[in-house]
Amino acid sequence: MLTKSPRYAVINADDFGYSDSVNEAIITAYHQGILTSTSLMVTADKADSAVKLAKENPSLGVGLHLVLCCGKSALHPAQIPHLVDQQGYFDRSAGKAGLKYQFIPQAKQELKEEIKAQLDLFQATGLSLSHVDGHLHLHTHPLVLKILAELASEYDIKFIRLPHEELNFTLKIDSTNLPLKVVYSIVFKLLRNHGEKLLKNYGVKYLEKIYGLLATSQISKSYLLGLIPQIKADIIEIYSHPQSISSDIELDALCSQEVRELLNSNGFQLVNYHQLEEKLSGC
C-alpha cells in the first residue's frame, strides 16, 4: 500500500518591523490565523518593537527580510556611498538598484559588507534565524544570492526563498494584469533556475514552490481558496504582506477558518522553517 508523502506549508508575512500597524497585523495573524513565520527588516523604524514581539511569541519563526532597495541601510552612508544616498537610503526602484549592483564595480564591493551588516544586526537580536528572503525579491539578484550563499555557513542560513509558482494557477483565479504576470513569471523562472544550481552547491535549502509573487499584496481569502486545491507540491511557502488589523484583505485571508480547513483537508501541516528543518532532518 502506497503512503502519501507528508505535506508542509510555511505561511510567512514579510516586512516585520516596518511599522506598528504591520507588526500588529502579523502578530494577530499568528495568534488568530494560519501564520507560522515572518521576515524581519532589521533597519526598519519598528524593528526593535518587532524583535520584542517575536521574543514574546517564540513559536513564530523569524527570518531576515534583506533590504537592498526601498529602505535604509545598516552601514553608515560613508561606508557604502555607491549603494545609498547621503541619508542612507537605497534606490526606490528594485530594477535600478539591481543594475547598479551588477555594473558598478564599487557597488559590488560594498554589497557584501552591507549584507553582512544586516545579518549581524539580526544575530544581535538574539533570535534564531529561520530563513532569508528579500524586499522586492532583490535577494534573488545573482550577485546578491551568491554573497548570501557564500555567507550561509558563517551565519547558519539554512533556507533561502526562491520564488517559484505556476502562472496558470493564478490566471485561473485572476487574469488581470496579464502582461505583468507573464513577465514576472519568466524573469523569476530564470532567476530560480540560476538560484537552484547555486544554492545546491552551497548546501542551502529552498522549497518546491513559493506562492505570492503573482498576487503580491492581493493574497485574499478567495485567492487562497482558489489556489490551495490546485497545488501539487508537498513543501511550499505562501507569503503575504498584512498591513493593518482593519480593512486588510491579506489579514482577513490569513485569519480565515475556511482557508485553514482547506489547507488541512489538502493534507498540509502548518510549520515554520525551524520546524520544517526538523521534520526534513527526521525523514
Protein backbone atom coordinates (compact mmCIF):
# COMPACT_ATOMS: atom_id res chain seq x y z
CA MET A 1 0.00 0.00 0.00
CA LEU A 2 1.40 3.37 -1.01
CA THR A 3 1.65 6.00 1.70
CA LYS A 4 1.25 9.68 0.91
CA SER A 5 4.22 11.97 1.38
CA PRO A 6 3.76 14.45 4.23
CA ARG A 7 2.82 17.94 3.06
CA TYR A 8 4.13 21.07 4.76
CA ALA A 9 3.16 24.73 4.33
CA VAL A 10 5.13 27.67 5.68
CA ILE A 11 2.82 30.69 5.90
CA ASN A 12 5.02 33.80 6.01
CA ALA A 13 4.44 37.53 6.41
CA ASP A 14 7.07 39.92 5.07
CA ASP A 15 8.03 43.40 6.36
CA PHE A 16 8.05 42.65 10.11
CA GLY A 17 9.35 45.81 11.77
CA TYR A 18 8.14 48.19 9.05
CA SER A 19 5.54 49.89 11.26
CA ASP A 20 3.46 49.34 14.38
CA SER A 21 0.41 48.52 12.26
CA VAL A 22 2.31 45.90 10.26
CA ASN A 23 3.72 44.38 13.45
CA GLU A 24 0.25 44.23 15.00
CA ALA A 25 -1.24 42.63 11.88
CA ILE A 26 1.48 39.99 11.79
CA ILE A 27 1.07 39.04 15.43
CA THR A 28 -2.71 38.95 15.01
CA ALA A 29 -2.35 36.61 12.02
CA TYR A 30 -0.08 34.40 14.11
CA HIS A 31 -2.45 34.21 17.10
CA GLN A 32 -5.75 34.11 15.24
CA GLY A 33 -4.85 32.64 11.89
CA ILE A 34 -2.55 30.37 9.93
CA LEU A 35 0.64 32.46 10.05
CA THR A 36 3.70 30.48 11.16
CA SER A 37 6.60 32.65 10.05
CA THR A 38 7.70 36.21 9.38
CA SER A 39 10.65 38.11 7.90
CA LEU A 40 12.28 40.94 9.85
CA MET A 41 13.53 44.19 8.31
CA VAL A 42 16.36 44.86 10.75
CA THR A 43 16.83 48.51 9.75
CA ALA A 44 13.14 49.45 9.70
CA ASP A 45 11.66 52.02 12.08
CA LYS A 46 9.86 49.50 14.27
CA ALA A 47 12.39 46.66 14.16
CA ASP A 48 13.03 46.83 17.93
CA SER A 49 9.31 46.50 18.64
CA ALA A 50 9.13 43.56 16.23
CA VAL A 51 12.01 41.81 17.99
CA LYS A 52 10.27 42.27 21.35
CA LEU A 53 7.06 40.79 19.92
CA ALA A 54 8.99 37.88 18.42
CA LYS A 55 10.55 37.07 21.78
CA GLU A 56 7.10 37.14 23.37
CA ASN A 57 5.96 34.63 20.73
CA PRO A 58 8.85 32.16 20.47
CA SER A 59 7.00 29.69 18.23
CA LEU A 60 6.77 32.29 15.49
CA GLY A 61 9.63 31.62 13.07
CA VAL A 62 11.62 34.73 12.17
CA GLY A 63 13.91 35.17 9.19
CA LEU A 64 15.77 38.11 7.67
CA HIS A 65 13.99 40.30 5.11
CA LEU A 66 17.12 41.64 3.42
CA VAL A 67 16.66 45.27 2.35
CA LEU A 68 18.70 46.46 -0.63
CA CYS A 69 16.12 48.82 -2.15
CA CYS A 70 13.22 50.92 -0.83
CA GLY A 71 14.68 51.12 2.65
CA LYS A 72 17.53 52.12 4.92
CA SER A 73 20.99 50.59 5.16
CA ALA A 74 22.63 49.08 8.22
CA LEU A 75 26.00 50.68 7.46
CA HIS A 76 26.72 54.41 7.52
CA PRO A 77 26.33 56.05 4.08
CA ALA A 78 30.04 56.95 4.06
CA GLN A 79 30.88 53.23 4.13
CA ILE A 80 28.69 52.36 1.14
CA PRO A 81 28.41 55.53 -0.99
CA HIS A 82 27.66 53.61 -4.18
CA LEU A 83 24.68 51.83 -2.61
CA VAL A 84 22.80 54.58 -0.77
CA ASP A 85 22.18 58.33 -0.71
CA GLN A 86 23.58 60.68 1.95
CA GLN A 87 20.72 59.77 4.31
CA GLY A 88 21.45 56.07 3.99
CA TYR A 89 18.53 55.12 1.76
CA PHE A 90 18.72 52.67 -1.13
CA ASP A 91 17.23 53.36 -4.54
CA ARG A 92 13.43 53.09 -4.51
CA SER A 93 13.48 51.10 -7.76
CA ALA A 94 14.49 47.45 -7.49
CA GLY A 95 15.36 47.47 -11.19
CA LYS A 96 17.70 50.46 -10.92
CA ALA A 97 19.28 49.05 -7.78
CA GLY A 98 19.86 45.69 -9.47
CA LEU A 99 21.54 47.31 -12.48
CA LYS A 100 23.74 49.38 -10.18
CA TYR A 101 24.86 46.29 -8.27
CA GLN A 102 25.57 44.44 -11.50
CA PHE A 103 27.55 47.08 -13.38
CA ILE A 104 29.22 49.42 -10.88
CA PRO A 105 32.36 47.71 -9.52
CA GLN A 106 32.43 49.73 -6.29
CA ALA A 107 28.81 48.82 -5.59
CA LYS A 108 29.67 45.13 -5.90
CA GLN A 109 32.40 45.52 -3.33
CA GLU A 110 30.12 47.35 -0.90
CA LEU A 111 27.23 44.89 -1.21
CA LYS A 112 28.86 42.11 0.78
CA GLU A 113 29.64 44.43 3.68
CA GLU A 114 26.05 45.70 3.83
CA ILE A 115 24.61 42.18 3.64
CA LYS A 116 26.94 41.07 6.44
CA ALA A 117 25.90 44.12 8.48
CA GLN A 118 22.21 43.21 8.19
CA LEU A 119 22.94 39.61 9.13
CA ASP A 120 24.97 40.89 12.09
CA LEU A 121 22.06 43.05 13.21
CA PHE A 122 19.80 40.02 13.06
CA GLN A 123 22.27 37.99 15.11
CA ALA A 124 22.43 40.79 17.66
CA THR A 125 18.68 40.42 18.31
CA GLY A 126 19.27 37.02 19.86
CA LEU A 127 16.61 35.49 17.60
CA SER A 128 17.29 32.25 15.78
CA LEU A 129 17.48 32.83 12.02
CA SER A 130 14.88 30.66 10.29
CA HIS A 131 15.46 31.73 6.68
CA VAL A 132 16.43 34.62 4.41
CA ASP A 133 14.34 36.40 1.81
CA GLY A 134 14.44 39.95 0.45
CA HIS A 135 12.47 43.13 -0.02
CA LEU A 136 11.05 43.13 -3.58
CA HIS A 137 13.00 39.87 -4.03
CA LEU A 138 16.26 41.67 -4.69
CA HIS A 139 17.97 38.83 -2.80
CA THR A 140 17.44 36.70 -5.93
CA HIS A 141 19.74 39.00 -7.94
CA PRO A 142 22.56 36.61 -8.96
CA LEU A 143 25.25 38.71 -7.28
CA VAL A 144 23.29 39.12 -4.04
CA LEU A 145 22.33 35.45 -3.94
CA LYS A 146 25.94 34.40 -4.43
CA ILE A 147 27.00 36.55 -1.47
CA LEU A 148 24.26 35.03 0.68
CA ALA A 149 25.29 31.52 -0.36
CA GLU A 150 28.92 32.26 0.48
CA LEU A 151 27.87 33.57 3.92
CA ALA A 152 25.46 30.70 4.62
CA SER A 153 27.79 28.59 6.74
CA GLU A 154 29.05 31.59 8.74
CA TYR A 155 25.53 32.79 9.59
CA ASP A 156 23.78 29.41 9.66
CA ILE A 157 21.46 30.22 6.77
CA LYS A 158 19.53 27.00 6.13
CA PHE A 159 16.78 28.22 3.79
CA ILE A 160 16.60 30.99 1.18
CA ARG A 161 13.39 31.89 -0.64
CA LEU A 162 13.43 31.27 -4.39
CA PRO A 163 10.04 32.40 -5.79
CA HIS A 164 8.54 29.69 -7.97
CA GLU A 165 4.85 29.29 -8.80
CA GLU A 166 2.66 28.20 -11.67
CA LEU A 167 1.33 31.07 -13.79
CA ASN A 168 -1.73 29.09 -14.88
CA PHE A 169 -2.79 28.56 -11.25
CA THR A 170 -3.00 32.30 -10.69
CA LEU A 171 -4.65 33.04 -14.05
CA LYS A 172 -7.45 30.59 -13.26
CA ILE A 173 -8.23 32.74 -10.22
CA ASP A 174 -7.43 36.21 -11.54
CA SER A 175 -6.27 37.06 -15.07
CA THR A 176 -5.96 40.81 -14.56
CA ASN A 177 -2.56 42.46 -15.22
CA LEU A 178 -1.74 39.56 -17.52
CA PRO A 179 1.34 41.09 -19.24
CA LEU A 180 2.97 41.93 -15.90
CA LYS A 181 2.26 38.47 -14.52
CA VAL A 182 3.76 36.86 -17.62
CA VAL A 183 6.90 39.00 -17.37
CA TYR A 184 7.28 38.24 -13.65
CA SER A 185 6.79 34.54 -14.32
CA ILE A 186 9.51 34.47 -16.99
CA VAL A 187 12.03 36.60 -15.08
CA PHE A 188 11.68 34.71 -11.83
CA LYS A 189 11.78 31.34 -13.58
CA LEU A 190 15.20 32.29 -14.95
CA LEU A 191 16.32 33.52 -11.52
CA ARG A 192 15.02 30.32 -9.94
CA ASN A 193 16.95 28.13 -12.39
CA HIS A 194 20.14 30.02 -11.58
CA GLY A 195 19.41 30.03 -7.86
CA GLU A 196 18.75 26.30 -7.61
CA LYS A 197 22.17 25.43 -9.04
CA LEU A 198 23.93 27.96 -6.83
CA LEU A 199 22.23 27.01 -3.56
CA LYS A 200 22.71 23.29 -4.20
CA ASN A 201 26.46 23.89 -4.49
CA TYR A 202 26.47 25.57 -1.06
CA GLY A 203 24.09 23.14 0.66
CA VAL A 204 21.38 25.77 1.22
CA LYS A 205 17.78 24.56 1.03
CA TYR A 206 14.88 26.07 -0.89
CA LEU A 207 11.25 24.98 -1.11
CA GLU A 208 9.49 23.28 -4.01
CA LYS A 209 7.07 26.12 -4.58
CA ILE A 210 6.71 29.66 -3.24
CA TYR A 211 3.37 31.41 -3.75
CA GLY A 212 2.77 35.15 -3.51
CA LEU A 213 4.70 36.82 -6.31
CA LEU A 214 1.93 36.78 -8.92
CA ALA A 215 -0.67 38.12 -6.48
CA THR A 216 1.57 40.38 -4.44
CA SER A 217 -0.39 42.37 -1.84
CA GLN A 218 -3.56 40.66 -3.11
CA ILE A 219 -3.42 37.39 -1.18
CA SER A 220 -7.13 37.41 -0.43
CA LYS A 221 -9.34 34.70 1.01
CA SER A 222 -10.82 33.99 -2.43
CA TYR A 223 -7.32 33.76 -3.92
CA LEU A 224 -6.19 31.18 -1.35
CA LEU A 225 -9.41 29.20 -1.69
CA GLY A 226 -8.77 29.05 -5.44
CA LEU A 227 -5.04 28.35 -5.16
CA ILE A 228 -4.73 25.68 -2.47
CA PRO A 229 -6.69 22.88 -4.24
CA GLN A 230 -4.50 23.34 -7.34
CA ILE A 231 -1.18 22.88 -5.53
CA LYS A 232 0.60 19.63 -6.33
CA ALA A 233 3.87 20.30 -4.49
CA ASP A 234 4.30 18.89 -0.99
CA ILE A 235 6.61 21.52 0.55
CA ILE A 236 5.55 25.10 -0.03
CA GLU A 237 5.60 28.64 1.27
CA ILE A 238 2.79 31.15 0.88
CA TYR A 239 3.90 34.67 1.72
CA SER A 240 1.89 37.83 2.21
CA HIS A 241 2.06 41.42 3.41
CA PRO A 242 -0.60 42.10 6.07
CA GLN A 243 -0.61 45.83 6.75
CA SER A 244 -3.21 46.55 9.39
CA ILE A 245 -5.78 44.92 11.66
CA SER A 246 -8.53 46.97 9.99
CA SER A 247 -9.78 46.54 6.41
CA ASP A 248 -6.87 44.35 5.29
CA ILE A 249 -7.68 41.62 2.75
CA GLU A 250 -4.49 39.70 3.45
CA LEU A 251 -5.01 39.62 7.22
CA ASP A 252 -8.61 38.52 6.64
CA ALA A 253 -7.32 35.70 4.44
CA LEU A 254 -4.73 34.60 7.00
CA CYS A 255 -7.38 34.54 9.73
CA SER A 256 -9.98 32.68 7.67
CA GLN A 257 -11.18 29.42 9.22
CA GLU A 258 -12.22 28.29 5.75
CA VAL A 259 -8.66 28.70 4.47
CA ARG A 260 -7.28 26.81 7.49
CA GLU A 261 -9.71 23.94 6.91
CA LEU A 262 -8.86 23.80 3.21
CA LEU A 263 -5.14 23.54 3.95
CA ASN A 264 -5.90 20.77 6.43
CA SER A 265 -8.19 18.88 4.04
CA ASN A 266 -5.45 19.04 1.40
CA GLY A 267 -3.03 17.41 3.82
CA PHE A 268 -0.86 20.41 4.69
CA GLN A 269 0.73 20.69 8.11
CA LEU A 270 1.44 24.29 9.08
CA VAL A 271 5.10 24.78 10.05
CA ASN A 272 7.75 27.44 10.28
CA TYR A 273 11.20 26.95 8.76
CA HIS A 274 12.75 25.71 12.02
CA GLN A 275 10.04 23.04 12.33
CA LEU A 276 10.39 22.14 8.67
CA GLU A 277 14.13 21.65 9.11
CA GLU A 278 13.46 19.25 11.99
CA LYS A 279 10.89 17.29 10.01
CA LEU A 280 13.09 17.03 6.93
CA SER A 281 16.09 16.00 9.03
CA GLY A 282 13.99 13.25 10.59
CA CYS A 283 12.95 11.79 7.24
